[in-house]
Protein backbone atom coordinates (compact mmCIF):
# COMPACT_ATOMS: atom_id res chain seq x y z
CA MET A 1 189.71 28.47 -126.78
CA ARG A 2 189.48 31.79 -124.81
CA THR A 3 188.10 32.11 -121.30
CA LEU A 4 186.39 35.12 -120.69
CA GLU A 5 185.92 35.79 -116.90
CA GLN A 6 184.35 38.87 -115.03
CA MET A 7 185.29 40.41 -111.46
CA ASP A 8 184.04 43.26 -109.09
CA PHE A 9 186.41 46.39 -109.58
CA GLY A 10 185.19 48.91 -106.91
CA GLY A 11 181.66 48.09 -107.85
CA LEU A 12 182.16 47.56 -111.40
CA GLN A 13 181.78 44.34 -113.35
CA ILE A 14 184.50 43.99 -115.34
CA ALA A 15 185.11 41.72 -118.44
CA PHE A 16 188.45 40.61 -119.39
CA ASP A 17 190.45 37.53 -120.98
CA ASP A 18 193.99 36.57 -121.01
CA ARG A 19 194.81 38.79 -123.68
CA VAL A 20 194.55 42.05 -121.38
CA LEU A 21 196.12 42.12 -117.93
CA ARG A 22 194.17 40.98 -115.46
CA PRO A 23 192.89 44.20 -113.58
CA ARG A 24 194.89 44.47 -110.19
CA PRO A 25 192.13 45.45 -107.19
CA TRP A 26 194.63 47.61 -105.43
CA THR A 27 194.43 49.77 -108.55
CA ALA A 28 191.24 50.80 -107.70
CA ALA A 29 193.17 53.35 -105.41
CA GLN A 30 194.42 55.20 -108.52
CA ALA A 31 190.85 55.43 -109.90
CA ARG A 32 189.37 56.87 -107.19
CA TRP A 33 192.32 59.20 -106.29
CA ALA A 34 192.04 60.50 -109.97
CA ALA A 35 187.76 60.92 -108.76
CA GLU A 36 189.08 63.04 -105.88
CA LEU A 37 190.90 65.22 -107.80
CA LEU A 38 188.33 65.86 -110.43
CA ARG A 39 186.47 67.38 -107.56
CA ALA A 40 188.50 70.67 -107.92
CA ALA A 41 190.14 69.95 -111.49
CA PRO A 42 189.47 72.40 -114.32
CA PRO A 43 186.44 71.71 -116.77
CA GLY A 44 186.98 69.06 -119.32
CA ASP A 45 187.35 65.27 -119.92
CA VAL A 46 189.22 62.45 -118.29
CA LEU A 47 192.11 60.96 -120.32
CA GLU A 48 192.74 57.35 -119.62
CA LEU A 49 196.21 56.05 -121.06
CA CYS A 50 197.14 52.11 -121.72
CA ALA A 51 193.62 51.77 -120.62
CA GLY A 52 193.41 47.50 -120.73
CA ALA A 53 189.93 46.55 -120.07
CA GLY A 54 188.87 50.21 -118.70
CA GLN A 55 188.42 49.80 -115.22
CA LEU A 56 190.55 52.58 -113.83
CA GLY A 57 189.02 55.27 -116.45
CA LEU A 58 185.42 53.82 -115.90
CA LEU A 59 185.79 53.78 -112.17
CA ALA A 60 186.88 57.50 -112.22
CA VAL A 61 184.24 58.60 -114.01
CA ALA A 62 181.16 56.44 -112.61
CA ASP A 63 180.17 58.79 -109.89
CA ASN A 64 180.20 62.70 -111.72
CA ASP A 65 179.44 63.60 -115.04
CA ARG A 66 182.45 63.71 -116.70
CA ARG A 67 183.37 62.89 -120.41
CA LEU A 68 186.07 59.89 -120.11
CA VAL A 69 188.37 59.03 -123.59
CA ALA A 70 190.15 55.55 -123.19
CA VAL A 71 193.39 55.03 -125.17
CA ASP A 72 195.32 51.42 -125.44
CA LEU A 73 197.39 50.10 -128.45
CA ASN A 74 195.65 46.82 -128.26
CA PRO A 75 192.21 46.34 -130.44
CA VAL A 76 191.48 43.56 -127.88
CA ALA A 77 191.74 45.64 -124.81
CA VAL A 78 190.02 49.08 -126.96
CA ASP A 79 186.95 45.92 -127.24
CA PHE A 80 186.63 45.29 -123.62
CA THR A 81 186.83 48.77 -122.82
CA ARG A 82 183.44 49.22 -124.58
CA THR A 83 181.95 46.08 -123.45
CA ASN A 84 182.47 47.05 -119.66
CA ALA A 85 181.46 51.14 -120.62
CA GLU A 86 178.45 49.66 -122.10
CA ALA A 87 177.83 47.22 -118.83
CA ALA A 88 178.33 49.83 -116.26
CA GLY A 89 175.87 52.22 -118.14
CA LEU A 90 178.65 54.51 -119.11
CA LEU A 91 178.77 53.97 -123.29
CA ASP A 92 177.26 57.67 -123.57
CA ARG A 93 180.15 59.27 -122.20
CA VAL A 94 182.89 57.08 -122.98
CA GLN A 95 185.00 57.33 -126.46
CA VAL A 96 187.74 54.73 -127.05
CA ARG A 97 190.81 54.90 -129.60
CA GLN A 98 192.62 52.35 -130.71
CA GLY A 99 196.39 53.29 -131.23
CA PRO A 100 199.61 54.90 -130.43
CA LEU A 101 198.89 56.94 -127.64
CA ASP A 102 201.09 60.14 -129.09
CA GLU A 103 198.58 59.48 -132.65
CA VAL A 104 195.21 59.31 -131.62
CA LEU A 105 194.84 62.32 -129.66
CA GLY A 106 194.17 65.98 -131.63
CA PRO A 107 196.76 68.86 -131.39
CA ASP A 108 194.56 70.79 -129.31
CA GLU A 109 192.69 68.39 -127.07
CA GLN A 110 193.23 68.50 -123.40
CA PHE A 111 192.03 67.16 -120.51
CA ALA A 112 191.12 68.16 -116.66
CA VAL A 113 192.61 65.01 -115.30
CA VAL A 114 194.57 61.94 -117.17
CA ILE A 115 195.07 58.25 -115.43
CA ALA A 116 198.21 56.53 -117.09
CA ASP A 117 199.03 52.79 -116.33
CA PRO A 118 201.73 51.79 -118.79
CA PRO A 119 203.54 48.65 -118.27
CA TRP A 120 206.44 49.08 -115.55
CA VAL A 121 208.17 45.89 -115.61
CA CYS A 122 211.78 45.53 -116.85
CA ARG A 123 212.42 43.70 -119.92
CA ARG A 124 214.97 41.53 -118.23
CA ASP A 125 212.12 40.55 -115.88
CA VAL A 126 209.26 39.70 -117.54
CA GLY A 127 209.85 36.20 -117.90
CA ARG A 128 208.73 36.10 -114.31
CA TYR A 129 205.10 36.87 -115.04
CA PRO A 130 204.09 34.19 -118.03
CA GLN A 131 200.25 34.89 -116.71
CA ASP A 132 200.82 38.24 -118.06
CA PRO A 133 200.62 39.43 -121.87
CA VAL A 134 204.13 40.69 -122.43
CA LEU A 135 202.93 43.91 -124.38
CA ALA A 136 200.74 45.05 -120.75
CA ILE A 137 204.08 44.33 -118.64
CA ASP A 138 207.04 45.45 -121.05
CA GLY A 139 208.58 48.45 -119.95
CA GLY A 140 211.43 48.46 -121.57
CA ASP A 141 215.36 48.36 -120.35
CA ASP A 142 214.10 50.27 -117.48
CA GLY A 143 210.66 49.61 -116.84
CA LEU A 144 210.11 53.33 -118.14
CA ALA A 145 209.90 53.35 -121.99
CA VAL A 146 206.49 53.93 -122.25
CA ALA A 147 206.10 55.74 -118.96
CA TRP A 148 207.88 58.48 -120.53
CA ARG A 149 205.92 58.25 -123.81
CA CYS A 150 203.06 59.04 -121.42
CA LEU A 151 204.23 61.68 -119.75
CA ASP A 152 205.21 63.18 -123.36
CA VAL A 153 201.13 62.93 -123.88
CA ILE A 154 200.49 64.65 -120.01
CA ASP A 155 202.70 67.30 -120.96
CA ARG A 156 201.08 68.22 -124.48
CA HIS A 157 197.21 67.66 -123.27
CA LEU A 158 196.57 68.17 -119.83
CA ALA A 159 195.42 71.16 -119.14
CA ASP A 160 196.02 74.34 -117.18
CA GLY A 161 195.46 73.75 -113.43
CA GLY A 162 195.09 69.75 -113.97
CA SER A 163 196.57 66.80 -112.38
CA ALA A 164 197.29 63.55 -113.77
CA VAL A 165 197.95 59.89 -111.32
CA LEU A 166 200.72 57.62 -112.81
CA GLN A 167 201.52 54.35 -112.08
CA LEU A 168 204.94 53.50 -111.77
CA GLY A 169 206.80 49.90 -110.37
CA THR A 170 209.20 51.58 -107.69
CA PRO A 171 210.69 54.09 -105.69
CA GLU A 172 213.80 54.43 -108.04
CA GLN A 173 211.72 54.95 -110.96
CA VAL A 174 209.36 57.47 -108.96
CA ALA A 175 212.60 59.28 -108.07
CA ARG A 176 213.89 59.47 -111.65
CA VAL A 177 210.43 60.74 -112.96
CA ARG A 178 210.52 63.75 -110.16
CA ALA A 179 213.91 64.89 -111.00
CA SER A 180 213.01 64.99 -114.65
CA LEU A 181 209.97 66.92 -113.94
CA ASN A 182 211.03 69.10 -111.31
CA SER A 183 213.61 70.26 -113.08
CA ALA A 184 212.21 71.20 -116.29
CA GLY A 185 208.76 72.04 -115.38
CA PRO A 186 205.62 73.09 -115.86
CA LEU A 187 204.61 69.32 -114.76
CA ARG A 188 205.68 68.97 -111.24
CA VAL A 189 205.41 65.86 -108.83
CA VAL A 190 203.75 66.62 -105.77
CA ALA A 191 202.81 63.42 -104.24
CA SER A 192 203.17 59.67 -104.26
CA ARG A 193 201.60 56.88 -102.47
CA ARG A 194 203.28 53.42 -102.07
CA HIS A 195 200.86 50.16 -102.12
CA ALA A 196 203.31 47.78 -100.35
CA ASP A 197 205.55 46.03 -103.10
CA ARG A 198 202.55 45.93 -105.59
CA GLY A 199 203.61 49.68 -107.06
CA VAL A 200 203.41 53.38 -106.44
CA LEU A 201 201.12 55.88 -107.65
CA VAL A 202 202.37 59.60 -108.40
CA ARG A 203 200.38 62.68 -108.32
CA ILE A 204 201.59 65.12 -111.37
CA ASP A 205 200.21 68.60 -111.57
CA ARG A 206 200.18 71.73 -114.24
CA GLY A 207 200.06 74.88 -112.72
CA ARG A 208 197.90 77.04 -113.58
CA VAL A 209 198.91 79.83 -116.24
CA SER A 210 198.40 83.37 -115.31
CA ARG A 211 197.45 85.40 -118.16
CA SER A 212 197.60 89.39 -118.20
CA PRO A 213 194.42 91.01 -119.87
CA GLY A 214 194.19 92.04 -123.43
């Protein structure tokens, strides 16, 4: 029998069980950074990729009037996101979608801010975390397999002048992402914040496109 747990996450009560990744309190910094970026972001909704129990996206929109689209492959995670959105009084501003993150968005959908929390543990190290669901932490051989998919979605769905906040595991992973994006454009890594040995948050911007009249 599953044990339902609840925890305080930045003032929100988040429900979850062992089928989804336990919310990490330090990741509230990712949601708060996204909320800060929303103050100067273009009009539009917030997109949360690899949503888990939905705590990051919900906290990011809790104190503003933006709408949230939360995406996860795991149907259990999707159910928890809906439950937590309702508990927070945000269900009318939250749309939850279940499926592969590159298949559940319409081709023309654009978002002002994207929050992405992909699994970033290298596959060879997954066994070190038996308490965590493998689907929620397995980032492939180098820990970046799902992160690259998130970045592809960000490239296609982040609005001009918008920002994304991506969670990674190590400075080495950040360096690889920075080198790839900054050499190709139009996305650029503009800042990162390391949280001890827990992970690294990366801000990615898309510059505003200048269009000639007519």
